[in-house]
Amino acid sequence: MTRLMLSVGTALLLTVSTVWAGPIEDATAAYTRGDYAAVFKILQPLAVQGNAGAQYRFGGLYEMGQGVRQDYVMAREWYEKAAAQGDAGAQTNLGGLYANGRGIQQDYAKARQWYEKAAAQDDVLAQFYLGRLYFYGHGVPRDYALARQWYEKAAAQGDAGAQTDLAELYVNGRGVTQDYAKARGWFEKAAAQGNAGAQTSLGHVYAEGQGVPRDYVQARQWYEKAAAQGNVMAQYSVGWLYDYGRGVPHDNVRAFMWYKLAAGDSKGFGKMLVADKRNRVAGLMTPMQIAEAERLAQKCQARQFKGC
C-alpha cells in the first residue's frame, strides 16, 4: 500500500529551499488542476538536482502512473534516492514496493527495514505497516503484542486503519486482554473518520452485544454507512437484518436487494454463501417481488450505493 499523493505541495514546501519555492508553487497549482503531466515536468529538474522531497513525489508519479507511464522500477529508483537522504515518505513507499513485490522481488525483511527507518521518524503509515507485518507474520514471527505496539503508535496519530486493527485485537484478545469497551472506543474513532471496515465492525459490536446491550437499530445505522461505501460485509449484514427483521421490519425485497449487491462483489466461498442467502429469500418471493428487488439493486448500483 502507498500513501496517496494528495498533499504534494504542502509536503514539498517542507523540504525545499526558497530557491525552489516558485516551481513548487507551480507544481501545487498543477496538481490541484489534475494536470499530472505538468507536475511531472516541474518536479523532474528538482529531483535531478537532488531534492529529496521532489524525488519522493517523482517516484510517486511513476508508481501511480500519474503524468507518466506506470513504472515500478523507476518508482523504486527515485524512492531509493530520497530514502537515502532520510525522507520518511520515500522510505515507507519503498518498503511497500518490497512488501508487494513491485518493481523488485518481494522481500518482507527489506520492507521491514525501510518501514523501521520511517517509523523511527514517527511516520504513521510505516508504523501501521509494521503492525501488519507482525500481525500476519510476514518476514517476521507472528507477534500480536508487537503488532499492538505499532498499531498503538499509529492509532495515537489518528490513523483509521491502525485504530481498526487495534480494535480487532481487543475484540479477539490477541496480544492484549480481551476488552470490548476498548475495542468499541477504537472502532468509534476510526468509524468517525469514515473507515468502512470500522463502521462494519461497530455494527457487529451492537448486533452481537459485545460489551453493550444488543441494539439492532444502532447496528443497522453503522452497517448502512459502510454499505454506502461499497463494503461487502456491511451490505450482506444489512440484508441479514431485513431477512430476519432485526432492527427493521422483515422485508424480503430489501433482503434480496442487499444480498444481490453483496454477492456481486464477493469472491470465492463468501460469494457462494451470500448467493445461497439470496436464493433462499428468492424462493419465498413472487416473480413481481424479485423483479422489484432487481430494479432496486440496479438503481442502488447506479447511485454507487448512496441512498439505497
Protein backbone atom coordinates (compact mmCIF):
# COMPACT_ATOMS: atom_id res chain seq x y z
CA MET A 1 0.00 0.00 0.00
CA THR A 2 1.22 3.50 -0.79
CA ARG A 3 0.28 6.85 0.66
CA LEU A 4 -1.90 8.94 -1.64
CA MET A 5 -0.28 11.90 -3.38
CA LEU A 6 -2.90 14.43 -2.32
CA SER A 7 -0.70 16.94 -0.47
CA VAL A 8 2.20 17.22 -2.85
CA GLY A 9 2.59 20.98 -2.49
CA THR A 10 2.35 21.17 1.29
CA ALA A 11 4.75 18.32 1.86
CA LEU A 12 7.24 19.56 -0.67
CA LEU A 13 7.36 23.03 0.81
CA LEU A 14 8.68 21.48 4.00
CA THR A 15 11.72 20.08 2.22
CA VAL A 16 12.71 22.66 -0.38
CA SER A 17 14.72 25.83 -0.07
CA THR A 18 13.42 29.24 -1.08
CA VAL A 19 15.26 28.79 -4.38
CA TRP A 20 12.72 26.16 -5.36
CA ALA A 21 9.65 27.77 -3.78
CA GLY A 22 8.39 29.17 -7.09
CA PRO A 23 8.48 25.88 -9.02
CA ILE A 24 6.87 24.07 -6.10
CA GLU A 25 4.01 26.54 -6.05
CA ASP A 26 3.57 25.89 -9.77
CA ALA A 27 3.58 22.13 -9.13
CA THR A 28 0.97 22.55 -6.40
CA ALA A 29 -1.29 24.50 -8.73
CA ALA A 30 -0.85 21.92 -11.49
CA TYR A 31 -1.65 19.09 -9.09
CA THR A 32 -4.81 20.86 -7.95
CA ARG A 33 -5.93 21.07 -11.61
CA GLY A 34 -5.25 17.17 -12.01
CA ASP A 35 -2.58 18.14 -14.62
CA TYR A 36 -0.10 15.37 -13.73
CA ALA A 37 1.96 15.91 -16.89
CA ALA A 38 2.71 19.46 -15.77
CA VAL A 39 3.56 18.24 -12.25
CA PHE A 40 5.98 15.72 -13.74
CA LYS A 41 7.65 18.39 -15.88
CA ILE A 42 8.06 20.75 -12.93
CA LEU A 43 9.33 18.15 -10.45
CA GLN A 44 11.81 16.47 -12.79
CA PRO A 45 14.60 19.10 -12.60
CA LEU A 46 14.19 19.39 -8.82
CA ALA A 47 14.50 15.63 -8.44
CA VAL A 48 17.54 15.51 -10.71
CA GLN A 49 19.17 18.26 -8.65
CA GLY A 50 18.82 16.07 -5.58
CA ASN A 51 15.88 17.47 -3.66
CA ALA A 52 14.62 14.58 -1.52
CA GLY A 53 11.03 15.76 -1.36
CA ALA A 54 10.85 16.12 -5.12
CA GLN A 55 12.48 12.72 -5.61
CA TYR A 56 9.94 11.11 -3.30
CA ARG A 57 6.99 12.59 -5.14
CA PHE A 58 8.59 11.99 -8.51
CA GLY A 59 8.76 8.32 -7.56
CA GLY A 60 5.11 8.52 -6.59
CA LEU A 61 4.16 9.75 -10.04
CA TYR A 62 5.83 6.69 -11.55
CA GLU A 63 4.24 4.33 -9.04
CA MET A 64 0.74 5.70 -9.58
CA GLY A 65 1.15 6.29 -13.32
CA GLN A 66 0.29 9.97 -12.97
CA GLY A 67 1.58 12.09 -15.85
CA VAL A 68 3.83 9.22 -16.97
CA ARG A 69 3.55 5.53 -17.79
CA GLN A 70 3.34 3.48 -14.61
CA ASP A 71 6.78 2.06 -13.89
CA TYR A 72 7.54 0.43 -10.54
CA VAL A 73 11.24 0.11 -11.33
CA MET A 74 11.57 3.85 -11.89
CA ALA A 75 9.46 4.48 -8.81
CA ARG A 76 11.84 2.35 -6.76
CA GLU A 77 14.90 4.14 -8.12
CA TRP A 78 13.57 7.56 -7.16
CA TYR A 79 12.32 6.36 -3.79
CA GLU A 80 15.78 4.96 -3.09
CA LYS A 81 17.41 8.31 -3.80
CA ALA A 82 15.04 10.12 -1.45
CA ALA A 83 15.11 7.36 1.16
CA ALA A 84 18.91 7.51 1.27
CA GLN A 85 18.54 11.16 2.24
CA GLY A 86 16.23 10.22 5.09
CA ASP A 87 12.87 11.07 3.52
CA ALA A 88 10.34 9.14 5.62
CA GLY A 89 7.66 9.07 2.95
CA ALA A 90 10.05 7.57 0.43
CA GLN A 91 11.24 5.03 2.98
CA THR A 92 7.67 3.95 3.65
CA ASN A 93 6.76 3.68 -0.02
CA LEU A 94 9.99 1.83 -0.77
CA GLY A 95 9.05 -0.62 1.96
CA GLY A 96 5.69 -1.01 0.25
CA LEU A 97 7.32 -1.93 -3.05
CA TYR A 98 9.37 -4.62 -1.31
CA ALA A 99 6.34 -5.90 0.60
CA ASN A 100 4.24 -6.21 -2.56
CA GLY A 101 7.00 -7.24 -4.97
CA ARG A 102 6.50 -4.27 -7.28
CA GLY A 103 9.50 -3.38 -9.40
CA ILE A 104 11.61 -5.75 -7.34
CA GLN A 105 11.46 -9.24 -5.86
CA GLN A 106 9.16 -9.44 -2.84
CA ASP A 107 11.23 -9.20 0.32
CA TYR A 108 9.48 -8.67 3.64
CA ALA A 109 12.77 -8.38 5.52
CA LYS A 110 13.80 -5.37 3.43
CA ALA A 111 10.29 -3.97 3.66
CA ARG A 112 10.54 -4.14 7.44
CA GLN A 113 13.94 -2.42 7.41
CA TRP A 114 12.59 0.53 5.44
CA TYR A 115 9.41 0.72 7.49
CA GLU A 116 11.50 0.80 10.66
CA LYS A 117 13.58 3.71 9.38
CA ALA A 118 10.45 5.69 8.60
CA ALA A 119 8.69 4.62 11.80
CA ALA A 120 11.65 5.93 13.79
CA GLN A 121 10.74 9.32 12.33
CA ASP A 122 7.14 8.82 13.53
CA ASP A 123 5.83 8.14 10.05
CA VAL A 124 2.31 6.96 10.79
CA LEU A 125 1.90 4.69 7.76
CA ALA A 126 5.22 2.98 8.42
CA GLN A 127 4.08 2.28 11.97
CA PHE A 128 0.80 0.87 10.70
CA TYR A 129 2.51 -1.35 8.11
CA LEU A 130 4.95 -2.66 10.72
CA GLY A 131 1.95 -3.63 12.80
CA ARG A 132 0.57 -5.51 9.81
CA LEU A 133 3.85 -7.36 9.26
CA TYR A 134 3.85 -8.62 12.84
CA PHE A 135 0.14 -9.38 12.80
CA TYR A 136 0.39 -11.60 9.72
CA GLY A 137 3.90 -12.86 10.35
CA HIS A 138 5.26 -11.56 7.06
CA GLY A 139 9.04 -11.83 7.19
CA VAL A 140 8.93 -12.00 10.99
CA PRO A 141 7.48 -14.44 13.53
CA ARG A 142 3.82 -13.62 14.12
CA ASP A 143 3.69 -11.48 17.23
CA TYR A 144 0.39 -9.91 18.26
CA ALA A 145 2.00 -7.99 21.12
CA LEU A 146 4.43 -6.26 18.76
CA ALA A 147 1.62 -5.69 16.28
CA ARG A 148 -0.32 -3.99 19.05
CA GLN A 149 2.61 -1.75 19.95
CA TRP A 150 2.97 -0.49 16.38
CA TYR A 151 -0.77 -0.16 15.89
CA GLU A 152 -0.96 1.91 19.07
CA LYS A 153 1.68 4.33 17.81
CA ALA A 154 -0.15 4.83 14.52
CA ALA A 155 -3.58 4.88 16.15
CA ALA A 156 -2.45 7.62 18.54
CA GLN A 157 -1.61 9.70 15.47
CA GLY A 158 -5.13 9.21 14.17
CA ASP A 159 -4.59 6.51 11.54
CA ALA A 160 -8.00 4.91 10.98
CA GLY A 161 -6.59 1.64 9.67
CA ALA A 162 -4.42 1.19 12.75
CA GLN A 163 -7.33 2.13 15.01
CA THR A 164 -9.49 -0.52 13.35
CA ASP A 165 -6.84 -3.23 13.55
CA LEU A 166 -6.09 -2.34 17.16
CA ALA A 167 -9.77 -2.62 17.99
CA GLU A 168 -9.88 -6.08 16.40
CA LEU A 169 -7.03 -7.17 18.68
CA TYR A 170 -9.10 -6.13 21.68
CA VAL A 171 -12.19 -7.92 20.33
CA ASN A 172 -10.30 -11.18 19.92
CA GLY A 173 -7.88 -10.84 22.84
CA ARG A 174 -4.77 -11.09 20.66
CA GLY A 175 -1.69 -9.52 22.22
CA VAL A 176 -4.00 -7.89 24.77
CA THR A 177 -6.62 -8.90 27.30
CA GLN A 178 -9.99 -9.07 25.56
CA ASP A 179 -11.74 -5.77 26.19
CA TYR A 180 -14.90 -4.90 24.26
CA ALA A 181 -15.07 -1.40 25.71
CA LYS A 182 -11.62 -0.50 24.38
CA ALA A 183 -12.42 -2.17 21.09
CA ARG A 184 -15.56 -0.11 20.71
CA GLY A 185 -13.66 3.08 21.54
CA TRP A 186 -11.10 2.48 18.79
CA PHE A 187 -13.77 1.40 16.31
CA GLU A 188 -15.64 4.62 17.00
CA LYS A 189 -12.56 6.76 16.35
CA ALA A 190 -11.95 5.06 13.01
CA ALA A 191 -15.64 4.99 12.07
CA ALA A 192 -15.89 8.73 12.70
CA GLN A 193 -13.22 9.15 10.02
CA GLY A 194 -15.36 7.20 7.56
CA ASN A 195 -13.46 3.92 7.73
CA ALA A 196 -15.90 1.39 6.29
CA GLY A 197 -14.27 -1.58 8.00
CA ALA A 198 -14.58 0.08 11.39
CA GLN A 199 -18.18 1.05 10.70
CA THR A 200 -18.98 -2.56 9.80
CA SER A 201 -17.24 -3.88 12.90
CA LEU A 202 -19.05 -1.34 15.05
CA GLY A 203 -22.27 -2.67 13.57
CA HIS A 204 -21.19 -6.16 14.67
CA VAL A 205 -20.50 -4.85 18.18
CA TYR A 206 -24.12 -3.71 18.51
CA ALA A 207 -25.64 -6.65 16.63
CA GLU A 208 -23.84 -9.17 18.82
CA GLY A 209 -23.99 -7.19 22.08
CA GLN A 210 -20.23 -7.12 22.58
CA GLY A 211 -19.83 -5.08 25.76
CA VAL A 212 -23.06 -3.17 25.05
CA PRO A 213 -26.74 -4.09 25.12
CA ARG A 214 -27.68 -5.71 21.81
CA ASP A 215 -29.10 -2.97 19.60
CA TYR A 216 -30.02 -3.83 16.03
CA VAL A 217 -31.09 -0.28 15.26
CA GLN A 218 -27.62 1.01 16.07
CA ALA A 219 -26.14 -1.91 14.17
CA ARG A 220 -28.17 -1.03 11.08
CA GLN A 221 -27.09 2.60 11.18
CA TRP A 222 -23.40 1.62 11.15
CA TYR A 223 -23.89 -1.11 8.57
CA GLU A 224 -25.65 1.33 6.26
CA LYS A 225 -22.81 3.85 6.48
CA ALA A 226 -20.33 1.17 5.44
CA ALA A 227 -22.67 -0.32 2.84
CA ALA A 228 -22.92 3.09 1.19
CA GLN A 229 -19.15 2.89 0.69
CA GLY A 230 -19.46 -0.47 -1.04
CA ASN A 231 -18.35 -2.62 1.90
CA VAL A 232 -19.50 -6.15 1.02
CA MET A 233 -19.78 -7.42 4.59
CA ALA A 234 -21.87 -4.41 5.55
CA GLN A 235 -24.15 -4.91 2.55
CA TYR A 236 -24.60 -8.55 3.49
CA SER A 237 -25.31 -7.56 7.10
CA VAL A 238 -27.99 -5.04 6.08
CA GLY A 239 -29.56 -7.79 4.00
CA TRP A 240 -29.47 -10.12 7.00
CA LEU A 241 -31.27 -7.55 9.16
CA TYR A 242 -34.10 -7.26 6.60
CA ASP A 243 -34.11 -11.02 6.11
CA TYR A 244 -34.73 -11.72 9.80
CA GLY A 245 -36.49 -8.49 10.78
CA ARG A 246 -33.83 -7.27 13.20
CA GLY A 247 -34.00 -3.52 13.82
CA VAL A 248 -36.15 -3.15 10.69
CA PRO A 249 -39.42 -4.70 9.52
CA HIS A 250 -38.94 -8.05 7.80
CA ASP A 251 -38.68 -7.30 4.07
CA ASN A 252 -37.73 -9.96 1.52
CA VAL A 253 -37.38 -7.42 -1.28
CA ARG A 254 -34.80 -5.39 0.65
CA ALA A 255 -33.06 -8.52 1.87
CA PHE A 256 -32.76 -9.85 -1.69
CA MET A 257 -31.52 -6.47 -2.94
CA TRP A 258 -28.70 -6.24 -0.38
CA TYR A 259 -27.74 -9.89 -0.75
CA LYS A 260 -27.55 -9.43 -4.51
CA LEU A 261 -25.33 -6.36 -4.15
CA ALA A 262 -23.04 -8.17 -1.71
CA ALA A 263 -22.86 -11.28 -3.89
CA GLY A 264 -21.85 -9.20 -6.89
CA ASP A 265 -18.63 -8.05 -5.21
CA SER A 266 -17.90 -11.09 -3.08
CA LYS A 267 -15.29 -13.68 -4.00
CA GLY A 268 -14.72 -17.38 -3.50
CA PHE A 269 -16.55 -19.17 -0.71
CA GLY A 270 -18.02 -15.90 0.59
CA LYS A 271 -19.71 -15.32 -2.76
CA MET A 272 -21.31 -18.76 -2.57
CA LEU A 273 -22.62 -18.14 0.94
CA VAL A 274 -24.17 -14.80 0.04
CA ALA A 275 -25.65 -16.23 -3.15
CA ASP A 276 -27.21 -19.05 -1.13
CA LYS A 277 -28.83 -16.48 1.16
CA ARG A 278 -30.15 -14.55 -1.84
CA ASN A 279 -31.52 -17.69 -3.48
CA ARG A 280 -33.21 -18.83 -0.27
CA VAL A 281 -35.01 -15.49 0.02
CA ALA A 282 -35.92 -15.63 -3.68
CA GLY A 283 -37.73 -18.91 -3.00
CA LEU A 284 -40.08 -17.01 -0.68
CA MET A 285 -40.82 -14.22 -3.18
CA THR A 286 -43.20 -13.74 -6.09
CA PRO A 287 -41.78 -13.01 -9.57
CA MET A 288 -43.00 -9.44 -9.21
CA GLN A 289 -41.14 -9.01 -5.92
CA ILE A 290 -37.96 -10.42 -7.42
CA ALA A 291 -38.23 -8.02 -10.34
CA GLU A 292 -38.66 -5.13 -7.91
CA ALA A 293 -35.63 -6.24 -5.90
CA GLU A 294 -33.57 -6.49 -9.09
CA ARG A 295 -34.67 -2.99 -10.08
CA LEU A 296 -33.73 -1.58 -6.69
CA ALA A 297 -30.33 -3.27 -6.83
CA GLN A 298 -29.61 -1.76 -10.26
CA LYS A 299 -30.74 1.65 -9.05
CA CYS A 300 -28.54 1.36 -5.98
CA GLN A 301 -25.52 0.43 -8.08
CA ALA A 302 -26.15 3.34 -10.42
CA ARG A 303 -26.11 5.64 -7.39
CA GLN A 304 -22.89 3.99 -6.15
CA PHE A 305 -24.75 2.64 -3.10
CA LYS A 306 -25.89 6.09 -1.95
CA GLY A 307 -29.49 6.49 -0.79
CA CYS A 308 -30.35 2.80 -1.07
